[in-house]
Amino acid sequence: MCKAMLENGEFDPLLCPLLSDLSPEEISERMSDPRIARCRAAVEDQSLGHAERNRICAEELRKTKRKRFVFI
């Protein structure tokens, strides 16, 4: 999912694993979340190398998974 966005250089909420399984309303609300904003900026920032953009998105995904695990 992230790979497809990174290859296209365009953030797509429907491909973002951070937004998977959410309703359109929830996706809209979460677009202002700092993790989503950081990942979106990394995907769309062509000045960053592919590896750096991938690292940023993977880091945000790991943070989100850890946060979800804490609340389970």
N, C-alpha and C. Protein backbone atom coordinates (compact mmCIF):
# COMPACT_ATOMS: atom_id res chain seq x y z
N MET A 1 0.82 -1.18 0.00
CA MET A 1 0.00 0.00 0.00
C MET A 1 0.86 1.25 0.00
N CYS A 2 1.74 1.36 0.98
CA CYS A 2 2.64 2.51 1.01
C CYS A 2 3.51 2.51 -0.25
N LYS A 3 3.91 1.31 -0.67
CA LYS A 3 4.77 1.20 -1.84
C LYS A 3 4.09 1.80 -3.07
N ALA A 4 2.81 1.52 -3.24
CA ALA A 4 2.08 2.06 -4.39
C ALA A 4 2.05 3.58 -4.34
N MET A 5 1.84 4.14 -3.16
CA MET A 5 1.82 5.60 -3.03
C MET A 5 3.20 6.18 -3.29
N LEU A 6 4.24 5.53 -2.76
CA LEU A 6 5.60 6.02 -2.95
C LEU A 6 5.99 5.99 -4.41
N GLU A 7 5.57 4.96 -5.13
CA GLU A 7 5.89 4.87 -6.55
C GLU A 7 5.16 5.94 -7.35
N ASN A 8 3.93 6.25 -6.94
CA ASN A 8 3.14 7.27 -7.64
C ASN A 8 3.51 8.68 -7.19
N GLY A 9 4.11 8.81 -6.00
CA GLY A 9 4.45 10.12 -5.48
C GLY A 9 3.24 10.93 -5.07
N GLU A 10 2.16 10.22 -4.77
CA GLU A 10 0.91 10.89 -4.40
C GLU A 10 0.24 10.13 -3.27
N PHE A 11 -0.17 10.85 -2.24
CA PHE A 11 -0.83 10.22 -1.10
C PHE A 11 -2.25 9.84 -1.50
N ASP A 12 -2.63 8.61 -1.19
CA ASP A 12 -3.99 8.13 -1.47
C ASP A 12 -4.54 7.54 -0.18
N PRO A 13 -5.52 8.18 0.43
CA PRO A 13 -6.06 7.68 1.70
C PRO A 13 -6.58 6.25 1.62
N LEU A 14 -7.04 5.83 0.44
CA LEU A 14 -7.57 4.49 0.29
C LEU A 14 -6.48 3.42 0.31
N LEU A 15 -5.23 3.82 0.06
CA LEU A 15 -4.12 2.89 0.08
C LEU A 15 -3.32 2.94 1.39
N CYS A 16 -3.61 3.91 2.22
CA CYS A 16 -2.84 4.12 3.43
C CYS A 16 -3.21 3.10 4.52
N PRO A 17 -2.24 2.31 4.98
CA PRO A 17 -2.55 1.33 6.03
C PRO A 17 -2.95 1.99 7.36
N LEU A 18 -2.58 3.23 7.55
CA LEU A 18 -2.97 3.93 8.77
C LEU A 18 -4.46 4.27 8.77
N LEU A 19 -5.06 4.26 7.59
CA LEU A 19 -6.47 4.61 7.46
C LEU A 19 -7.35 3.43 7.06
N SER A 20 -6.76 2.25 7.00
CA SER A 20 -7.53 1.08 6.57
C SER A 20 -8.63 0.76 7.57
N ASP A 21 -9.69 0.22 7.06
CA ASP A 21 -10.84 -0.20 7.88
C ASP A 21 -11.58 0.95 8.54
N LEU A 22 -11.41 2.16 8.02
CA LEU A 22 -12.13 3.31 8.56
C LEU A 22 -13.19 3.76 7.57
N SER A 23 -14.24 4.35 8.10
CA SER A 23 -15.28 4.89 7.24
C SER A 23 -14.76 6.17 6.57
N PRO A 24 -15.41 6.61 5.49
CA PRO A 24 -15.00 7.87 4.86
C PRO A 24 -15.00 9.06 5.83
N GLU A 25 -15.94 9.06 6.75
CA GLU A 25 -16.00 10.14 7.74
C GLU A 25 -14.80 10.10 8.68
N GLU A 26 -14.45 8.88 9.12
CA GLU A 26 -13.30 8.73 10.00
C GLU A 26 -12.00 9.08 9.27
N ILE A 27 -11.90 8.70 8.02
CA ILE A 27 -10.72 9.05 7.22
C ILE A 27 -10.60 10.55 7.12
N SER A 28 -11.70 11.21 6.85
CA SER A 28 -11.69 12.67 6.75
C SER A 28 -11.22 13.32 8.05
N GLU A 29 -11.68 12.80 9.17
CA GLU A 29 -11.28 13.33 10.48
C GLU A 29 -9.79 13.10 10.74
N ARG A 30 -9.29 11.95 10.36
CA ARG A 30 -7.90 11.59 10.66
C ARG A 30 -6.87 12.24 9.73
N MET A 31 -7.31 12.84 8.65
CA MET A 31 -6.37 13.45 7.72
C MET A 31 -5.56 14.56 8.38
N SER A 32 -6.06 15.13 9.47
CA SER A 32 -5.31 16.18 10.18
C SER A 32 -4.42 15.61 11.28
N ASP A 33 -4.47 14.30 11.50
CA ASP A 33 -3.62 13.65 12.51
C ASP A 33 -2.15 13.86 12.13
N PRO A 34 -1.29 14.18 13.09
CA PRO A 34 0.12 14.43 12.79
C PRO A 34 0.83 13.26 12.10
N ARG A 35 0.46 12.03 12.45
CA ARG A 35 1.10 10.87 11.80
C ARG A 35 0.73 10.81 10.33
N ILE A 36 -0.53 11.04 10.03
CA ILE A 36 -0.98 11.02 8.64
C ILE A 36 -0.33 12.19 7.88
N ALA A 37 -0.30 13.35 8.51
CA ALA A 37 0.29 14.52 7.87
C ALA A 37 1.77 14.30 7.56
N ARG A 38 2.49 13.67 8.48
CA ARG A 38 3.92 13.43 8.25
C ARG A 38 4.13 12.43 7.12
N CYS A 39 3.34 11.38 7.12
CA CYS A 39 3.45 10.38 6.06
C CYS A 39 3.06 10.99 4.71
N ARG A 40 1.98 11.74 4.70
CA ARG A 40 1.54 12.38 3.45
C ARG A 40 2.62 13.32 2.91
N ALA A 41 3.21 14.11 3.79
CA ALA A 41 4.27 15.03 3.37
C ALA A 41 5.46 14.27 2.81
N ALA A 42 5.80 13.15 3.45
CA ALA A 42 6.93 12.36 2.98
C ALA A 42 6.65 11.76 1.61
N VAL A 43 5.45 11.24 1.42
CA VAL A 43 5.09 10.64 0.13
C VAL A 43 5.17 11.68 -0.99
N GLU A 44 4.71 12.89 -0.71
CA GLU A 44 4.62 13.91 -1.75
C GLU A 44 5.88 14.75 -1.91
N ASP A 45 6.84 14.60 -1.00
CA ASP A 45 8.08 15.40 -1.08
C ASP A 45 9.09 14.71 -1.99
N GLN A 46 9.17 15.19 -3.21
CA GLN A 46 10.06 14.59 -4.20
C GLN A 46 11.54 14.87 -3.92
N SER A 47 11.82 15.79 -3.00
CA SER A 47 13.23 16.07 -2.68
C SER A 47 13.82 14.98 -1.79
N LEU A 48 12.95 14.20 -1.12
CA LEU A 48 13.42 13.08 -0.31
C LEU A 48 13.68 11.88 -1.21
N GLY A 49 14.67 11.11 -0.86
CA GLY A 49 14.92 9.88 -1.59
C GLY A 49 13.84 8.85 -1.28
N HIS A 50 13.72 7.87 -2.17
CA HIS A 50 12.71 6.83 -2.00
C HIS A 50 12.88 6.11 -0.65
N ALA A 51 14.10 5.80 -0.29
CA ALA A 51 14.36 5.08 0.97
C ALA A 51 13.95 5.93 2.17
N GLU A 52 14.22 7.22 2.13
CA GLU A 52 13.86 8.10 3.25
C GLU A 52 12.35 8.23 3.37
N ARG A 53 11.67 8.38 2.25
CA ARG A 53 10.19 8.47 2.29
C ARG A 53 9.61 7.17 2.83
N ASN A 54 10.14 6.05 2.40
CA ASN A 54 9.66 4.76 2.87
C ASN A 54 9.91 4.60 4.37
N ARG A 55 11.08 5.05 4.84
CA ARG A 55 11.42 4.96 6.26
C ARG A 55 10.44 5.77 7.11
N ILE A 56 10.13 6.98 6.67
CA ILE A 56 9.21 7.84 7.43
C ILE A 56 7.83 7.20 7.53
N CYS A 57 7.32 6.68 6.42
CA CYS A 57 6.00 6.06 6.44
C CYS A 57 5.98 4.79 7.30
N ALA A 58 7.03 3.99 7.19
CA ALA A 58 7.12 2.78 8.00
C ALA A 58 7.19 3.12 9.49
N GLU A 59 7.92 4.17 9.83
CA GLU A 59 8.03 4.61 11.22
C GLU A 59 6.67 5.02 11.77
N GLU A 60 5.91 5.77 10.99
CA GLU A 60 4.58 6.21 11.45
C GLU A 60 3.64 5.02 11.59
N LEU A 61 3.77 4.05 10.71
CA LEU A 61 2.94 2.85 10.81
C LEU A 61 3.28 2.07 12.08
N ARG A 62 4.57 1.93 12.39
CA ARG A 62 4.98 1.23 13.62
C ARG A 62 4.46 1.95 14.86
N LYS A 63 4.56 3.28 14.86
CA LYS A 63 4.07 4.05 16.02
C LYS A 63 2.58 3.82 16.22
N THR A 64 1.83 3.79 15.15
CA THR A 64 0.39 3.61 15.24
C THR A 64 0.06 2.21 15.73
N LYS A 65 0.78 1.21 15.24
CA LYS A 65 0.53 -0.16 15.71
C LYS A 65 0.83 -0.29 17.19
N ARG A 66 1.92 0.34 17.65
CA ARG A 66 2.25 0.29 19.08
C ARG A 66 1.16 0.96 19.90
N LYS A 67 0.67 2.08 19.41
CA LYS A 67 -0.37 2.82 20.13
C LYS A 67 -1.65 1.98 20.22
N ARG A 68 -2.04 1.31 19.12
CA ARG A 68 -3.23 0.47 19.13
C ARG A 68 -3.04 -0.69 20.11
N PHE A 69 -1.86 -1.27 20.14
CA PHE A 69 -1.59 -2.41 21.01
C PHE A 69 -1.74 -2.01 22.48
N VAL A 70 -1.32 -0.82 22.82
CA VAL A 70 -1.40 -0.35 24.20
C VAL A 70 -2.86 -0.26 24.67
N PHE A 71 -3.77 0.08 23.76
CA PHE A 71 -5.16 0.27 24.14
C PHE A 71 -5.99 -1.01 24.08
N ILE A 72 -5.41 -2.09 23.61
CA ILE A 72 -6.16 -3.35 23.49
C ILE A 72 -6.27 -4.02 24.84
